[in-house]
C-alpha atoms as a PDB file:
ATOM      1  CA  UNK A   1      95.343  67.121 122.454  1.00  0.00           C
ATOM      2  CA  UNK A   2      98.837  65.709 123.175  1.00  0.00           C
ATOM      3  CA  UNK A   3     101.948  67.663 123.552  1.00  0.00           C
ATOM      4  CA  UNK A   4     103.722  66.759 120.831  1.00  0.00           C
ATOM      5  CA  UNK A   5     100.680  68.187 118.344  1.00  0.00           C
ATOM      6  CA  UNK A   6     100.865  71.547 120.169  1.00  0.00           C
ATOM      7  CA  UNK A   7     104.699  72.364 120.135  1.00  0.00           C
ATOM      8  CA  UNK A   8     104.483  71.026 116.255  1.00  0.00           C
ATOM      9  CA  UNK A   9     101.467  73.257 115.476  1.00  0.00           C
ATOM     10  CA  UNK A  10     103.678  76.165 117.383  1.00  0.00           C
ATOM     11  CA  UNK A  11     107.001  75.576 115.293  1.00  0.00           C
ATOM     12  CA  UNK A  12     104.754  75.494 111.930  1.00  0.00           C
ATOM     13  CA  UNK A  13     102.542  78.964 113.124  1.00  0.00           C
ATOM     14  CA  UNK A  14     106.153  80.563 113.645  1.00  0.00           C
ATOM     15  CA  UNK A  15     107.665  78.962 110.649  1.00  0.00           C
ATOM     16  CA  UNK A  16     104.570  80.700 108.573  1.00  0.00           C
ATOM     17  CA  UNK A  17     104.487  83.842 110.590  1.00  0.00           C
ATOM     18  CA  UNK A  18     108.097  84.573 110.181  1.00  0.00           C
ATOM     19  CA  UNK A  19     107.832  83.959 106.702  1.00  0.00           C
ATOM     20  CA  UNK A  20     104.929  85.865 105.853  1.00  0.00           C
ATOM     21  CA  UNK A  21     105.991  89.253 108.053  1.00  0.00           C
ATOM     22  CA  UNK A  22     109.149  89.290 105.652  1.00  0.00           C
ATOM     23  CA  UNK A  23     107.804  88.698 102.130  1.00  0.00           C
ATOM     24  CA  UNK A  24     104.229  90.493 102.643  1.00  0.00           C
ATOM     25  CA  UNK A  25     105.371  93.538 104.709  1.00  0.00           C
ATOM     26  CA  UNK A  26     106.708  96.435 102.314  1.00  0.00           C
ATOM     27  CA  UNK A  27     108.748  98.861 104.310  1.00  0.00           C
ATOM     28  CA  UNK A  28     109.260 102.585 103.217  1.00  0.00           C
ATOM     29  CA  UNK A  29     112.371 104.691 103.126  1.00  0.00           C
ATOM     30  CA  UNK A  30     112.146 107.175 106.371  1.00  0.00           C
ATOM     31  CA  UNK A  31     112.803 109.890 103.308  1.00  0.00           C
ATOM     32  CA  UNK A  32     110.227 110.946 100.920  1.00  0.00           C
ATOM     33  CA  UNK A  33     113.127 112.471  99.211  1.00  0.00           C
ATOM     34  CA  UNK A  34     116.647 111.820  97.842  1.00  0.00           C
ATOM     35  CA  UNK A  35     119.311 113.376  96.038  1.00  0.00           C
ATOM     36  CA  UNK A  36     120.042 112.473  92.662  1.00  0.00           C
ATOM     37  CA  UNK A  37     123.773 110.641  92.114  1.00  0.00           C
ATOM     38  CA  UNK A  38     124.134 112.426  88.587  1.00  0.00           C
ATOM     39  CA  UNK A  39     122.664 115.676  88.566  1.00  0.00           C
ATOM     40  CA  UNK A  40     122.238 116.569  92.483  1.00  0.00           C
ATOM     41  CA  UNK A  41     118.231 117.126  92.002  1.00  0.00           C
ATOM     42  CA  UNK A  42     116.188 116.555  95.074  1.00  0.00           C
ATOM     43  CA  UNK A  43     113.671 114.192  93.982  1.00  0.00           C
ATOM     44  CA  UNK A  44     110.581 112.255  95.650  1.00  0.00           C
ATOM     45  CA  UNK A  45     111.126 108.782  96.036  1.00  0.00           C
ATOM     46  CA  UNK A  46     109.412 106.201  92.822  1.00  0.00           C
ATOM     47  CA  UNK A  47     108.232 102.606  92.912  1.00  0.00           C
ATOM     48  CA  UNK A  48     111.902 102.068  91.254  1.00  0.00           C
ATOM     49  CA  UNK A  49     113.754 103.768  93.627  1.00  0.00           C
ATOM     50  CA  UNK A  50     112.036 102.702  96.643  1.00  0.00           C
ATOM     51  CA  UNK A  51     112.355  99.165  95.012  1.00  0.00           C
ATOM     52  CA  UNK A  52     115.753  99.702  95.069  1.00  0.00           C
ATOM     53  CA  UNK A  53     116.261 100.652  98.848  1.00  0.00           C
ATOM     54  CA  UNK A  54     114.466  97.470  99.747  1.00  0.00           C
ATOM     55  CA  UNK A  55     117.535  95.771  98.126  1.00  0.00           C
ATOM     56  CA  UNK A  56     120.211  97.747 100.002  1.00  0.00           C
ATOM     57  CA  UNK A  57     121.247 100.712  97.747  1.00  0.00           C
ATOM     58  CA  UNK A  58     122.477 103.440  98.630  1.00  0.00           C
ATOM     59  CA  UNK A  59     122.580 105.331  95.245  1.00  0.00           C
ATOM     60  CA  UNK A  60     119.738 106.770  93.607  1.00  0.00           C
ATOM     61  CA  UNK A  61     118.813 108.243  90.138  1.00  0.00           C
ATOM     62  CA  UNK A  62     115.881 110.997  89.375  1.00  0.00           C
ATOM     63  CA  UNK A  63     113.669 109.537  86.620  1.00  0.00           C
ATOM     64  CA  UNK A  64     115.664 112.024  83.580  1.00  0.00           C
ATOM     65  CA  UNK A  65     118.950 110.564  84.430  1.00  0.00           C
ATOM     66  CA  UNK A  66     117.603 107.368  84.855  1.00  0.00           C
ATOM     67  CA  UNK A  67     115.878 107.010  81.411  1.00  0.00           C
ATOM     68  CA  UNK A  68     119.124 108.784  80.235  1.00  0.00           C
ATOM     69  CA  UNK A  69     121.200 105.774  81.696  1.00  0.00           C
ATOM     70  CA  UNK A  70     118.594 103.480  80.096  1.00  0.00           C
ATOM     71  CA  UNK A  71     118.733 105.240  76.511  1.00  0.00           C
ATOM     72  CA  UNK A  72     123.054 105.071  76.421  1.00  0.00           C
ATOM     73  CA  UNK A  73     122.919 101.360  77.259  1.00  0.00           C
ATOM     74  CA  UNK A  74     123.686  98.728  74.381  1.00  0.00           C
ATOM     75  CA  UNK A  75     120.601  97.892  72.226  1.00  0.00           C
ATOM     76  CA  UNK A  76     121.477  94.388  72.854  1.00  0.00           C
ATOM     77  CA  UNK A  77     121.490  94.543  76.886  1.00  0.00           C
ATOM     78  CA  UNK A  78     118.265  97.116  77.052  1.00  0.00           C
ATOM     79  CA  UNK A  79     116.474  94.152  75.018  1.00  0.00           C
ATOM     80  CA  UNK A  80     117.955  91.472  77.605  1.00  0.00           C
ATOM     81  CA  UNK A  81     116.910  93.090  80.394  1.00  0.00           C
ATOM     82  CA  UNK A  82     113.635  94.352  79.452  1.00  0.00           C
ATOM     83  CA  UNK A  83     112.326  90.895  77.498  1.00  0.00           C
ATOM     84  CA  UNK A  84     109.323  88.632  79.929  1.00  0.00           C
ATOM     85  CA  UNK A  85     112.031  86.089  80.009  1.00  0.00           C
ATOM     86  CA  UNK A  86     114.983  87.505  81.751  1.00  0.00           C
ATOM     87  CA  UNK A  87     112.436  89.516  83.907  1.00  0.00           C
ATOM     88  CA  UNK A  88     111.079  86.180  85.324  1.00  0.00           C
ATOM     89  CA  UNK A  89     114.230  84.554  85.609  1.00  0.00           C
ATOM     90  CA  UNK A  90     115.643  87.465  87.892  1.00  0.00           C
ATOM     91  CA  UNK A  91     111.859  87.667  89.390  1.00  0.00           C
ATOM     92  CA  UNK A  92     112.093  86.601  93.222  1.00  0.00           C
ATOM     93  CA  UNK A  93     108.168  86.718  93.221  1.00  0.00           C
ATOM     94  CA  UNK A  94     108.436  83.257  95.081  1.00  0.00           C
ATOM     95  CA  UNK A  95     105.029  81.956  94.050  1.00  0.00           C
ATOM     96  CA  UNK A  96     106.436  78.279  93.473  1.00  0.00           C
ATOM     97  CA  UNK A  97     108.054  79.047  96.712  1.00  0.00           C
ATOM     98  CA  UNK A  98     104.936  80.113  98.649  1.00  0.00           C
ATOM     99  CA  UNK A  99     102.626  77.118  97.446  1.00  0.00           C
ATOM    100  CA  UNK A 100     105.939  75.057  98.767  1.00  0.00           C
ATOM    101  CA  UNK A 101     106.457  76.343 101.853  1.00  0.00           C
ATOM    102  CA  UNK A 102     102.324  75.751 102.658  1.00  0.00           C
ATOM    103  CA  UNK A 103     102.844  72.356 101.583  1.00  0.00           C
ATOM    104  CA  UNK A 104     106.263  71.270 103.450  1.00  0.00           C
ATOM    105  CA  UNK A 105     105.657  73.570 106.686  1.00  0.00           C
ATOM    106  CA  UNK A 106     102.309  71.113 107.610  1.00  0.00           C
ATOM    107  CA  UNK A 107     104.002  68.067 106.340  1.00  0.00           C
ATOM    108  CA  UNK A 108     106.914  68.625 108.508  1.00  0.00           C
ATOM    109  CA  UNK A 109     104.841  69.445 111.542  1.00  0.00           C
ATOM    110  CA  UNK A 110     102.281  66.271 110.804  1.00  0.00           C
ATOM    111  CA  UNK A 111     106.139  63.976 110.605  1.00  0.00           C
ATOM    112  CA  UNK A 112     107.305  65.873 113.635  1.00  0.00           C
ATOM    113  CA  UNK A 113     104.336  65.263 115.954  1.00  0.00           C
ATOM    114  CA  UNK A 114     104.030  61.021 114.591  1.00  0.00           C
ATOM    115  CA  UNK A 115     107.819  60.799 114.835  1.00  0.00           C
ATOM    116  CA  UNK A 116     107.592  61.547 118.370  1.00  0.00           C
ATOM    117  CA  UNK A 117     104.198  59.683 119.241  1.00  0.00           C
END
C-alpha cells in the first residue's frame, strides 16, 4: 500500500467518524426536570423539550401550557406547521445528505490518492 492511499483512507475515516458522532449521538440535558416558563410548574423533560434543548432553546413549557399555546394559534398557522409537507421541508433528518456523504467521501479519497500517484 502506498502512503497516499493510507493518508486518503485516514482522512475519509476521520470525516465519517466526525459526521457519525455529530448526527448519531443523542445528548440529553443534565437536569431531568425544568421549570415551565409560563406557569412555573416543575415538569419532567419530554421528547419535545429535549429536542428543543438540543436546538439550543433555553425556555421550556410544560405539556399543558404547550397545548394551550398550540390551540391559541391561528388555524391557518396550525395547519401549515402540522401538514406533512411543512414538516418535511423543515426536517433535518438528512437521508439524502448521508447518501451523498457516503458517496463523496470515498470518491474524494480515491481522487486524492490517484492525484498524487
